[in-house]
Amino acid sequence: MNTTETEKKEVVTTKAVESSGVKTFSRNKNFKKNSRRPRGNDKPRSEFDQKIINIRRVTRVVKGGRRFSFSVAMVIGDRKGRVGVGLGKATDTALAIEKAIRDARKNMITVKTDKNFSIPHEVKAKYSASIVELRPAPGRGIVVGSSVRDVVELAGIKDISSKLLSRSKNKTNNAKAAVKAFASIR
């Protein structure tokens, strides 16, 4: 089939469509998309889900006044047994989030689970002043509070119970204590 036959077919189809009352728009075959403009769907999807635990604006007092920066604590995990907690600090929240993700990937652990996506035995861990106790709870679902819940969900555990034994309300330390407890599973 040569080019004249294809042009005739295009003309016939456009006439048929125009006679039916539907407006058509001709397409420029030499049209080139702007390759410099980033596309939203071109970005590769990360294999890890992420949740922000805490964002704080912190201040450093210097000779000229106050300098503001941001501190971000973040949990990342693949919901298949890998989870990590990271902390990032920068003058902009977007940069702080990137640094937190990088730190969480660096501190990632693999959680040992049984066939029911629960933990095999009870564990207890302390990080700073935070003490977390994790217990297997077959058939009960996720009975966990605070930032420990984010760690448990992103680790992919389905049946677990948890208790914060300390009175610490520090979300970052509670999450790090949960990761430390998961790492201590035999």
N, C-alpha and C. Protein backbone atom coordinates (compact mmCIF):
# COMPACT_ATOMS: atom_id res chain seq x y z
N MET A 1 0.85 -1.17 0.00
CA MET A 1 0.00 0.00 0.00
C MET A 1 0.90 1.24 0.00
N ASN A 2 0.76 2.09 -0.99
CA ASN A 2 1.62 3.27 -1.06
C ASN A 2 0.96 4.47 -0.39
N THR A 3 1.66 5.61 -0.39
CA THR A 3 1.19 6.78 0.36
C THR A 3 -0.07 7.40 -0.24
N THR A 4 -0.25 7.32 -1.53
CA THR A 4 -1.45 7.93 -2.13
C THR A 4 -2.71 7.19 -1.71
N GLU A 5 -2.62 5.88 -1.58
CA GLU A 5 -3.78 5.10 -1.14
C GLU A 5 -4.15 5.43 0.30
N THR A 6 -3.14 5.58 1.17
CA THR A 6 -3.43 5.93 2.57
C THR A 6 -4.01 7.32 2.67
N GLU A 7 -3.51 8.27 1.85
CA GLU A 7 -4.07 9.62 1.86
C GLU A 7 -5.52 9.62 1.42
N LYS A 8 -5.85 8.79 0.41
CA LYS A 8 -7.24 8.69 -0.06
C LYS A 8 -8.13 8.14 1.05
N LYS A 9 -7.64 7.12 1.77
CA LYS A 9 -8.44 6.54 2.86
C LYS A 9 -8.69 7.57 3.95
N GLU A 10 -7.66 8.37 4.28
CA GLU A 10 -7.83 9.40 5.30
C GLU A 10 -8.85 10.45 4.86
N VAL A 11 -8.81 10.83 3.59
CA VAL A 11 -9.76 11.82 3.08
C VAL A 11 -11.17 11.27 3.13
N VAL A 12 -11.35 10.00 2.74
CA VAL A 12 -12.67 9.38 2.76
C VAL A 12 -13.21 9.30 4.18
N THR A 13 -12.38 8.89 5.13
CA THR A 13 -12.86 8.78 6.51
C THR A 13 -13.17 10.15 7.09
N THR A 14 -12.36 11.17 6.79
CA THR A 14 -12.66 12.50 7.32
C THR A 14 -13.94 13.06 6.73
N LYS A 15 -14.21 12.79 5.44
CA LYS A 15 -15.47 13.26 4.83
C LYS A 15 -16.66 12.56 5.47
N ALA A 16 -16.52 11.27 5.74
CA ALA A 16 -17.62 10.53 6.37
C ALA A 16 -17.89 11.06 7.77
N VAL A 17 -16.85 11.38 8.50
CA VAL A 17 -17.02 11.90 9.85
C VAL A 17 -17.60 13.30 9.81
N GLU A 18 -17.13 14.15 8.88
CA GLU A 18 -17.66 15.51 8.77
C GLU A 18 -19.12 15.51 8.37
N SER A 19 -19.52 14.58 7.50
CA SER A 19 -20.92 14.53 7.09
C SER A 19 -21.83 14.08 8.23
N SER A 20 -21.26 13.37 9.22
CA SER A 20 -22.08 12.93 10.34
C SER A 20 -22.27 14.03 11.38
N GLY A 21 -21.59 15.17 11.20
CA GLY A 21 -21.78 16.30 12.11
C GLY A 21 -20.76 16.36 13.23
N VAL A 22 -19.80 15.45 13.26
CA VAL A 22 -18.78 15.44 14.29
C VAL A 22 -17.59 16.25 13.80
N LYS A 23 -17.11 17.16 14.64
CA LYS A 23 -15.95 17.96 14.24
C LYS A 23 -14.68 17.14 14.44
N THR A 24 -13.77 17.27 13.51
CA THR A 24 -12.49 16.57 13.63
C THR A 24 -11.37 17.59 13.67
N PHE A 25 -10.28 17.19 14.23
CA PHE A 25 -9.10 18.03 14.29
C PHE A 25 -7.98 17.32 13.57
N SER A 26 -7.37 18.02 12.64
CA SER A 26 -6.28 17.38 11.91
C SER A 26 -5.04 17.36 12.80
N ARG A 27 -4.24 16.38 12.58
CA ARG A 27 -3.09 16.18 13.41
C ARG A 27 -1.85 16.46 12.58
N ASN A 28 -0.94 17.21 13.12
CA ASN A 28 0.30 17.52 12.42
C ASN A 28 1.27 16.36 12.63
N LYS A 29 1.70 15.73 11.55
CA LYS A 29 2.58 14.57 11.67
C LYS A 29 3.99 14.96 12.08
N ASN A 30 4.36 16.21 11.86
CA ASN A 30 5.70 16.67 12.21
C ASN A 30 5.74 17.26 13.62
N PHE A 31 4.65 17.14 14.37
CA PHE A 31 4.58 17.69 15.72
C PHE A 31 5.54 16.93 16.64
N LYS A 32 6.34 17.68 17.36
CA LYS A 32 7.32 17.07 18.26
C LYS A 32 7.02 17.55 19.67
N LYS A 33 6.89 16.62 20.60
CA LYS A 33 6.62 17.01 21.98
C LYS A 33 7.86 17.68 22.56
N ASN A 34 7.63 18.60 23.48
CA ASN A 34 8.74 19.28 24.13
C ASN A 34 9.44 18.30 25.05
N SER A 35 10.66 17.94 24.69
CA SER A 35 11.37 16.93 25.46
C SER A 35 12.00 17.52 26.71
N ARG A 36 12.09 18.84 26.80
CA ARG A 36 12.70 19.45 27.98
C ARG A 36 11.74 19.52 29.16
N ARG A 37 10.46 19.54 28.87
CA ARG A 37 9.48 19.64 29.94
C ARG A 37 9.31 18.29 30.61
N PRO A 38 9.47 18.20 31.93
CA PRO A 38 9.32 16.90 32.59
C PRO A 38 7.87 16.44 32.60
N ARG A 39 7.67 15.17 32.44
CA ARG A 39 6.35 14.57 32.47
C ARG A 39 6.14 13.89 33.81
N GLY A 40 4.91 13.94 34.31
CA GLY A 40 4.61 13.33 35.60
C GLY A 40 4.73 11.83 35.59
N ASN A 41 4.38 11.19 34.47
CA ASN A 41 4.39 9.74 34.44
C ASN A 41 5.74 9.17 34.01
N ASP A 42 6.71 10.02 33.68
CA ASP A 42 8.03 9.54 33.31
C ASP A 42 8.87 9.16 34.52
N LYS A 43 8.50 9.69 35.69
CA LYS A 43 9.27 9.43 36.89
C LYS A 43 9.08 7.97 37.31
N PRO A 44 10.16 7.23 37.57
CA PRO A 44 9.99 5.83 37.97
C PRO A 44 9.36 5.73 39.35
N ARG A 45 8.44 4.81 39.50
CA ARG A 45 7.73 4.61 40.76
C ARG A 45 8.66 3.91 41.74
N SER A 46 8.72 4.43 42.95
CA SER A 46 9.58 3.84 43.96
C SER A 46 8.98 2.51 44.43
N GLU A 47 9.85 1.59 44.77
CA GLU A 47 9.38 0.29 45.24
C GLU A 47 8.91 0.36 46.69
N PHE A 48 9.19 1.48 47.36
CA PHE A 48 8.85 1.62 48.77
C PHE A 48 7.72 2.62 48.97
N ASP A 49 6.81 2.28 49.89
CA ASP A 49 5.81 3.24 50.34
C ASP A 49 6.45 4.05 51.46
N GLN A 50 5.97 5.27 51.65
CA GLN A 50 6.58 6.12 52.66
C GLN A 50 5.53 6.89 53.43
N LYS A 51 5.83 7.12 54.70
CA LYS A 51 4.95 7.92 55.55
C LYS A 51 5.81 8.86 56.39
N ILE A 52 5.36 10.09 56.48
CA ILE A 52 6.08 11.06 57.31
C ILE A 52 5.57 10.93 58.73
N ILE A 53 6.48 10.72 59.66
CA ILE A 53 6.11 10.61 61.07
C ILE A 53 6.01 12.00 61.69
N ASN A 54 6.99 12.85 61.39
CA ASN A 54 7.09 14.10 62.09
C ASN A 54 7.82 15.13 61.23
N ILE A 55 7.30 16.35 61.18
CA ILE A 55 8.01 17.47 60.56
C ILE A 55 8.09 18.58 61.60
N ARG A 56 9.31 19.07 61.85
CA ARG A 56 9.48 20.14 62.82
C ARG A 56 10.27 21.28 62.20
N ARG A 57 9.93 22.50 62.56
CA ARG A 57 10.76 23.64 62.19
C ARG A 57 11.65 23.93 63.38
N VAL A 58 12.94 23.87 63.17
CA VAL A 58 13.89 24.11 64.26
C VAL A 58 14.64 25.41 63.99
N THR A 59 15.12 26.02 65.06
CA THR A 59 15.75 27.34 64.97
C THR A 59 17.16 27.29 65.56
N ARG A 60 18.08 27.93 64.85
CA ARG A 60 19.44 28.09 65.35
C ARG A 60 19.68 29.60 65.46
N VAL A 61 20.10 30.05 66.62
CA VAL A 61 20.33 31.48 66.83
C VAL A 61 21.79 31.79 66.51
N VAL A 62 21.97 32.72 65.58
CA VAL A 62 23.32 33.14 65.18
C VAL A 62 23.45 34.65 65.42
N LYS A 63 24.62 35.18 65.11
CA LYS A 63 24.89 36.60 65.35
C LYS A 63 23.89 37.52 64.64
N GLY A 64 23.52 37.16 63.42
CA GLY A 64 22.61 38.01 62.63
C GLY A 64 21.14 37.78 62.92
N GLY A 65 20.80 36.85 63.77
CA GLY A 65 19.39 36.57 64.07
C GLY A 65 19.12 35.08 64.14
N ARG A 66 17.93 34.69 63.71
CA ARG A 66 17.54 33.28 63.77
C ARG A 66 17.63 32.64 62.40
N ARG A 67 18.12 31.41 62.36
CA ARG A 67 18.16 30.62 61.12
C ARG A 67 17.19 29.46 61.30
N PHE A 68 16.24 29.35 60.38
CA PHE A 68 15.25 28.29 60.46
C PHE A 68 15.63 27.14 59.54
N SER A 69 15.37 25.93 60.00
CA SER A 69 15.54 24.75 59.16
C SER A 69 14.46 23.75 59.54
N PHE A 70 14.37 22.67 58.78
CA PHE A 70 13.32 21.67 58.99
C PHE A 70 13.93 20.31 59.27
N SER A 71 13.30 19.60 60.17
CA SER A 71 13.71 18.24 60.52
C SER A 71 12.53 17.31 60.21
N VAL A 72 12.78 16.27 59.42
CA VAL A 72 11.73 15.36 58.99
C VAL A 72 12.09 13.94 59.40
N ALA A 73 11.16 13.25 60.07
CA ALA A 73 11.33 11.82 60.38
C ALA A 73 10.37 11.05 59.50
N MET A 74 10.87 9.97 58.89
CA MET A 74 10.09 9.26 57.89
C MET A 74 10.28 7.76 58.00
N VAL A 75 9.22 7.02 57.67
CA VAL A 75 9.28 5.56 57.61
C VAL A 75 9.06 5.15 56.17
N ILE A 76 9.89 4.22 55.66
CA ILE A 76 9.65 3.65 54.34
C ILE A 76 9.64 2.14 54.47
N GLY A 77 8.86 1.49 53.61
CA GLY A 77 8.78 0.03 53.62
C GLY A 77 8.11 -0.47 52.37
N ASP A 78 8.31 -1.76 52.08
CA ASP A 78 7.74 -2.33 50.86
C ASP A 78 6.52 -3.21 51.15
N ARG A 79 6.08 -3.27 52.40
CA ARG A 79 4.94 -4.08 52.84
C ARG A 79 5.17 -5.57 52.59
N LYS A 80 6.45 -5.96 52.43
CA LYS A 80 6.81 -7.36 52.24
C LYS A 80 7.88 -7.80 53.22
N GLY A 81 8.10 -7.00 54.27
CA GLY A 81 9.07 -7.40 55.28
C GLY A 81 10.27 -6.48 55.41
N ARG A 82 10.39 -5.48 54.57
CA ARG A 82 11.51 -4.54 54.68
C ARG A 82 10.99 -3.18 55.13
N VAL A 83 11.65 -2.61 56.14
CA VAL A 83 11.21 -1.33 56.70
C VAL A 83 12.42 -0.58 57.25
N GLY A 84 12.34 0.76 57.21
CA GLY A 84 13.42 1.58 57.75
C GLY A 84 12.90 2.93 58.19
N VAL A 85 13.59 3.51 59.18
CA VAL A 85 13.25 4.84 59.70
C VAL A 85 14.43 5.76 59.43
N GLY A 86 14.14 6.96 58.93
CA GLY A 86 15.21 7.90 58.62
C GLY A 86 14.89 9.30 59.09
N LEU A 87 15.94 10.08 59.29
CA LEU A 87 15.82 11.46 59.75
C LEU A 87 16.57 12.35 58.77
N GLY A 88 15.93 13.43 58.32
CA GLY A 88 16.58 14.37 57.41
C GLY A 88 16.41 15.79 57.88
N LYS A 89 17.49 16.57 57.74
CA LYS A 89 17.45 17.98 58.15
C LYS A 89 17.94 18.84 57.00
N ALA A 90 17.20 19.91 56.70
CA ALA A 90 17.60 20.84 55.64
C ALA A 90 16.84 22.15 55.81
N THR A 91 17.22 23.14 55.01
CA THR A 91 16.56 24.44 55.09
C THR A 91 15.21 24.44 54.39
N ASP A 92 14.94 23.43 53.57
CA ASP A 92 13.68 23.31 52.84
C ASP A 92 13.06 21.95 53.15
N THR A 93 11.74 21.89 53.23
CA THR A 93 11.10 20.62 53.58
C THR A 93 11.31 19.55 52.52
N ALA A 94 11.30 19.93 51.24
CA ALA A 94 11.49 18.94 50.18
C ALA A 94 12.87 18.30 50.27
N LEU A 95 13.89 19.10 50.53
CA LEU A 95 15.24 18.56 50.68
C LEU A 95 15.34 17.69 51.93
N ALA A 96 14.67 18.11 53.00
CA ALA A 96 14.70 17.33 54.24
C ALA A 96 14.02 15.98 54.04
N ILE A 97 12.93 15.94 53.26
CA ILE A 97 12.24 14.68 52.98
C ILE A 97 13.14 13.76 52.16
N GLU A 98 13.83 14.31 51.15
CA GLU A 98 14.75 13.49 50.35
C GLU A 98 15.85 12.89 51.21
N LYS A 99 16.41 13.71 52.12
CA LYS A 99 17.46 13.22 53.01
C LYS A 99 16.93 12.16 53.96
N ALA A 100 15.69 12.33 54.43
CA ALA A 100 15.09 11.34 55.33
C ALA A 100 14.88 10.02 54.61
N ILE A 101 14.45 10.06 53.34
CA ILE A 101 14.27 8.84 52.56
C ILE A 101 15.61 8.14 52.37
N ARG A 102 16.65 8.92 52.04
CA ARG A 102 17.98 8.34 51.86
C ARG A 102 18.47 7.68 53.15
N ASP A 103 18.24 8.34 54.29
CA ASP A 103 18.65 7.80 55.58
C ASP A 103 17.86 6.55 55.94
N ALA A 104 16.56 6.54 55.61
CA ALA A 104 15.72 5.37 55.91
C ALA A 104 16.16 4.17 55.07
N ARG A 105 16.53 4.40 53.81
CA ARG A 105 17.03 3.29 52.97
C ARG A 105 18.33 2.74 53.54
N LYS A 106 19.15 3.63 54.08
CA LYS A 106 20.42 3.21 54.65
C LYS A 106 20.21 2.35 55.91
N ASN A 107 19.17 2.68 56.69
CA ASN A 107 18.90 1.98 57.95
C ASN A 107 17.83 0.90 57.82
N MET A 108 17.61 0.39 56.62
CA MET A 108 16.54 -0.57 56.37
C MET A 108 16.89 -1.96 56.92
N ILE A 109 15.88 -2.63 57.49
CA ILE A 109 16.05 -3.99 58.00
C ILE A 109 15.00 -4.90 57.36
N THR A 110 15.23 -6.20 57.46
CA THR A 110 14.25 -7.18 57.01
C THR A 110 13.62 -7.82 58.24
N VAL A 111 12.30 -7.82 58.29
CA VAL A 111 11.56 -8.35 59.44
C VAL A 111 11.27 -9.83 59.20
N LYS A 112 11.58 -10.65 60.19
CA LYS A 112 11.29 -12.08 60.09
C LYS A 112 9.85 -12.30 60.54
N THR A 113 9.03 -12.86 59.65
CA THR A 113 7.63 -13.11 59.97
C THR A 113 7.33 -14.59 59.83
N ASP A 114 6.20 -15.01 60.41
CA ASP A 114 5.76 -16.39 60.22
C ASP A 114 4.82 -16.44 59.02
N LYS A 115 4.23 -17.60 58.78
CA LYS A 115 3.39 -17.76 57.58
C LYS A 115 2.11 -16.93 57.62
N ASN A 116 1.69 -16.47 58.80
CA ASN A 116 0.46 -15.67 58.93
C ASN A 116 0.75 -14.17 58.91
N PHE A 117 1.94 -13.77 58.49
CA PHE A 117 2.36 -12.36 58.47
C PHE A 117 2.25 -11.73 59.85
N SER A 118 2.70 -12.48 60.85
CA SER A 118 2.81 -11.99 62.21
C SER A 118 4.24 -12.24 62.66
N ILE A 119 4.58 -11.80 63.85
CA ILE A 119 5.93 -12.09 64.35
C ILE A 119 5.92 -13.42 65.09
N PRO A 120 7.03 -14.16 65.10
CA PRO A 120 7.03 -15.49 65.70
C PRO A 120 6.96 -15.50 67.23
N HIS A 121 7.46 -14.46 67.89
CA HIS A 121 7.44 -14.45 69.35
C HIS A 121 7.41 -13.01 69.85
N GLU A 122 7.20 -12.85 71.15
CA GLU A 122 7.12 -11.53 71.76
C GLU A 122 8.52 -10.91 71.84
N VAL A 123 8.61 -9.62 71.53
CA VAL A 123 9.89 -8.91 71.62
C VAL A 123 9.70 -7.57 72.31
N LYS A 124 10.79 -7.10 72.90
CA LYS A 124 10.77 -5.84 73.62
C LYS A 124 12.07 -5.11 73.29
N ALA A 125 12.00 -3.81 73.03
CA ALA A 125 13.20 -3.05 72.70
C ALA A 125 13.11 -1.65 73.27
N LYS A 126 14.30 -1.09 73.54
CA LYS A 126 14.39 0.26 74.07
C LYS A 126 15.29 1.08 73.16
N TYR A 127 14.81 2.27 72.81
CA TYR A 127 15.62 3.23 72.07
C TYR A 127 15.47 4.56 72.78
N SER A 128 16.55 5.09 73.30
CA SER A 128 16.54 6.30 74.10
C SER A 128 15.60 6.08 75.29
N ALA A 129 14.56 6.88 75.47
CA ALA A 129 13.65 6.68 76.60
C ALA A 129 12.40 5.90 76.20
N SER A 130 12.30 5.51 74.94
CA SER A 130 11.11 4.80 74.44
C SER A 130 11.29 3.30 74.58
N ILE A 131 10.29 2.65 75.14
CA ILE A 131 10.29 1.19 75.27
C ILE A 131 9.04 0.67 74.57
N VAL A 132 9.24 -0.26 73.63
CA VAL A 132 8.14 -0.82 72.84
C VAL A 132 8.12 -2.33 73.02
N GLU A 133 6.92 -2.87 73.25
CA GLU A 133 6.75 -4.31 73.34
C GLU A 133 5.82 -4.75 72.21
N LEU A 134 6.26 -5.73 71.42
CA LEU A 134 5.47 -6.25 70.31
C LEU A 134 5.11 -7.69 70.59
N ARG A 135 3.83 -8.03 70.38
CA ARG A 135 3.36 -9.39 70.63
C ARG A 135 2.63 -9.92 69.40
N PRO A 136 2.79 -11.21 69.09
CA PRO A 136 1.99 -11.78 68.01
C PRO A 136 0.52 -11.85 68.43
N ALA A 137 -0.38 -11.57 67.51
CA ALA A 137 -1.81 -11.60 67.81
C ALA A 137 -2.54 -12.21 66.62
N PRO A 138 -2.50 -13.53 66.48
CA PRO A 138 -3.12 -14.16 65.30
C PRO A 138 -4.62 -13.89 65.24
N GLY A 139 -5.08 -13.40 64.08
CA GLY A 139 -6.50 -13.17 63.86
C GLY A 139 -7.04 -11.87 64.42
N ARG A 140 -6.22 -11.05 65.05
CA ARG A 140 -6.72 -9.81 65.66
C ARG A 140 -6.47 -8.58 64.81
N GLY A 141 -5.62 -8.67 63.82
CA GLY A 141 -5.29 -7.51 63.01
C GLY A 141 -4.19 -6.68 63.65
N ILE A 142 -4.10 -5.43 63.25
CA ILE A 142 -3.07 -4.54 63.78
C ILE A 142 -3.65 -3.75 64.95
N VAL A 143 -3.21 -4.09 66.17
CA VAL A 143 -3.67 -3.41 67.37
C VAL A 143 -2.47 -2.64 67.91
N VAL A 144 -2.17 -1.53 67.24
CA VAL A 144 -0.96 -0.76 67.53
C VAL A 144 -1.30 0.71 67.42
N GLY A 145 -0.68 1.53 68.25
CA GLY A 145 -0.91 2.96 68.19
C GLY A 145 0.36 3.72 67.90
N SER A 146 0.23 5.03 67.84
CA SER A 146 1.35 5.95 67.67
C SER A 146 2.05 5.73 66.34
N SER A 147 3.31 6.11 66.27
CA SER A 147 4.08 5.97 65.03
C SER A 147 4.52 4.53 64.82
N VAL A 148 4.37 3.69 65.84
CA VAL A 148 4.70 2.27 65.70
C VAL A 148 3.76 1.63 64.67
N ARG A 149 2.54 2.13 64.57
CA ARG A 149 1.58 1.61 63.60
C ARG A 149 2.08 1.79 62.17
N ASP A 150 2.66 2.96 61.89
CA ASP A 150 3.21 3.20 60.55
C ASP A 150 4.32 2.22 60.23
N VAL A 151 5.19 1.95 61.19
CA VAL A 151 6.29 1.00 61.00
C VAL A 151 5.73 -0.39 60.72
N VAL A 152 4.74 -0.81 61.51
CA VAL A 152 4.15 -2.15 61.37
C VAL A 152 3.46 -2.30 60.02
N GLU A 153 2.68 -1.29 59.62
CA GLU A 153 1.96 -1.36 58.34
C GLU A 153 2.93 -1.42 57.15
N LEU A 154 3.97 -0.59 57.18
CA LEU A 154 4.91 -0.57 56.06
C LEU A 154 5.83 -1.78 56.06
N ALA A 155 5.91 -2.49 57.19
CA ALA A 155 6.67 -3.75 57.21
C ALA A 155 5.85 -4.89 56.62
N GLY A 156 4.53 -4.71 56.53
CA GLY A 156 3.68 -5.73 55.93
C GLY A 156 3.15 -6.75 56.91
N ILE A 157 3.16 -6.43 58.19
CA ILE A 157 2.68 -7.36 59.21
C ILE A 157 1.18 -7.17 59.37
N LYS A 158 0.45 -8.29 59.41
CA LYS A 158 -1.02 -8.24 59.42
C LYS A 158 -1.62 -8.41 60.82
N ASP A 159 -1.03 -9.27 61.65
CA ASP A 159 -1.59 -9.58 62.98
C ASP A 159 -0.53 -9.32 64.04
N ILE A 160 -0.71 -8.23 64.77
CA ILE A 160 0.26 -7.88 65.81
C ILE A 160 -0.40 -6.99 66.85
N SER A 161 0.11 -7.07 68.07
CA SER A 161 -0.34 -6.22 69.16
C SER A 161 0.90 -5.53 69.73
N SER A 162 0.74 -4.30 70.19
CA SER A 162 1.89 -3.56 70.68
C SER A 162 1.51 -2.76 71.92
N LYS A 163 2.53 -2.48 72.73
CA LYS A 163 2.32 -1.64 73.90
C LYS A 163 3.54 -0.75 74.07
N LEU A 164 3.28 0.54 74.30
CA LEU A 164 4.35 1.47 74.63
C LEU A 164 4.49 1.48 76.14
N LEU A 165 5.59 0.93 76.64
CA LEU A 165 5.77 0.80 78.08
C LEU A 165 6.29 2.09 78.72
N SER A 166 6.88 2.95 77.93
CA SER A 166 7.38 4.21 78.46
C SER A 166 6.32 5.29 78.30
N ARG A 167 6.56 6.42 78.94
CA ARG A 167 5.63 7.53 78.77
C ARG A 167 6.14 8.51 77.73
N SER A 168 7.09 8.08 76.93
CA SER A 168 7.67 8.94 75.91
C SER A 168 6.67 9.19 74.79
N LYS A 169 6.51 10.44 74.42
CA LYS A 169 5.61 10.79 73.33
C LYS A 169 6.39 11.13 72.06
N ASN A 170 7.70 10.88 72.09
CA ASN A 170 8.56 11.18 70.96
C ASN A 170 8.31 10.17 69.84
N LYS A 171 7.68 10.62 68.76
CA LYS A 171 7.27 9.72 67.68
C LYS A 171 8.47 9.07 66.99
N THR A 172 9.53 9.84 66.80
CA THR A 172 10.72 9.31 66.12
C THR A 172 11.35 8.19 66.94
N ASN A 173 11.53 8.41 68.24
CA ASN A 173 12.14 7.39 69.09
C ASN A 173 11.25 6.16 69.22
N ASN A 174 9.92 6.35 69.26
CA ASN A 174 9.02 5.20 69.30
C ASN A 174 9.15 4.35 68.03
N ALA A 175 9.23 5.00 66.88
CA ALA A 175 9.38 4.28 65.61
C ALA A 175 10.72 3.56 65.57
N LYS A 176 11.79 4.22 66.02
CA LYS A 176 13.11 3.58 66.02
C LYS A 176 13.16 2.41 67.00
N ALA A 177 12.43 2.52 68.12
CA ALA A 177 12.36 1.40 69.06
C ALA A 177 11.64 0.22 68.43
N ALA A 178 10.59 0.49 67.63
CA ALA A 178 9.87 -0.60 66.95
C ALA A 178 10.78 -1.29 65.94
N VAL A 179 11.56 -0.52 65.19
CA VAL A 179 12.49 -1.11 64.22
C VAL A 179 13.55 -1.94 64.95
N LYS A 180 14.01 -1.44 66.08
CA LYS A 180 15.00 -2.18 66.88
C LYS A 180 14.40 -3.48 67.40
N ALA A 181 13.11 -3.45 67.79
CA ALA A 181 12.43 -4.67 68.25
C ALA A 181 12.31 -5.68 67.11
N PHE A 182 11.97 -5.21 65.90
CA PHE A 182 11.88 -6.11 64.75
C PHE A 182 13.24 -6.72 64.43
N ALA A 183 14.30 -5.94 64.59
CA ALA A 183 15.64 -6.44 64.29
C ALA A 183 16.08 -7.50 65.30
N SER A 184 15.51 -7.47 66.51
CA SER A 184 15.91 -8.44 67.53
C SER A 184 15.15 -9.76 67.46
N ILE A 185 14.25 -9.91 66.49
CA ILE A 185 13.51 -11.17 66.34
C ILE A 185 14.48 -12.25 65.89
N ARG A 186 14.45 -13.40 66.58
CA ARG A 186 15.34 -14.52 66.23
C ARG A 186 14.73 -15.38 65.16
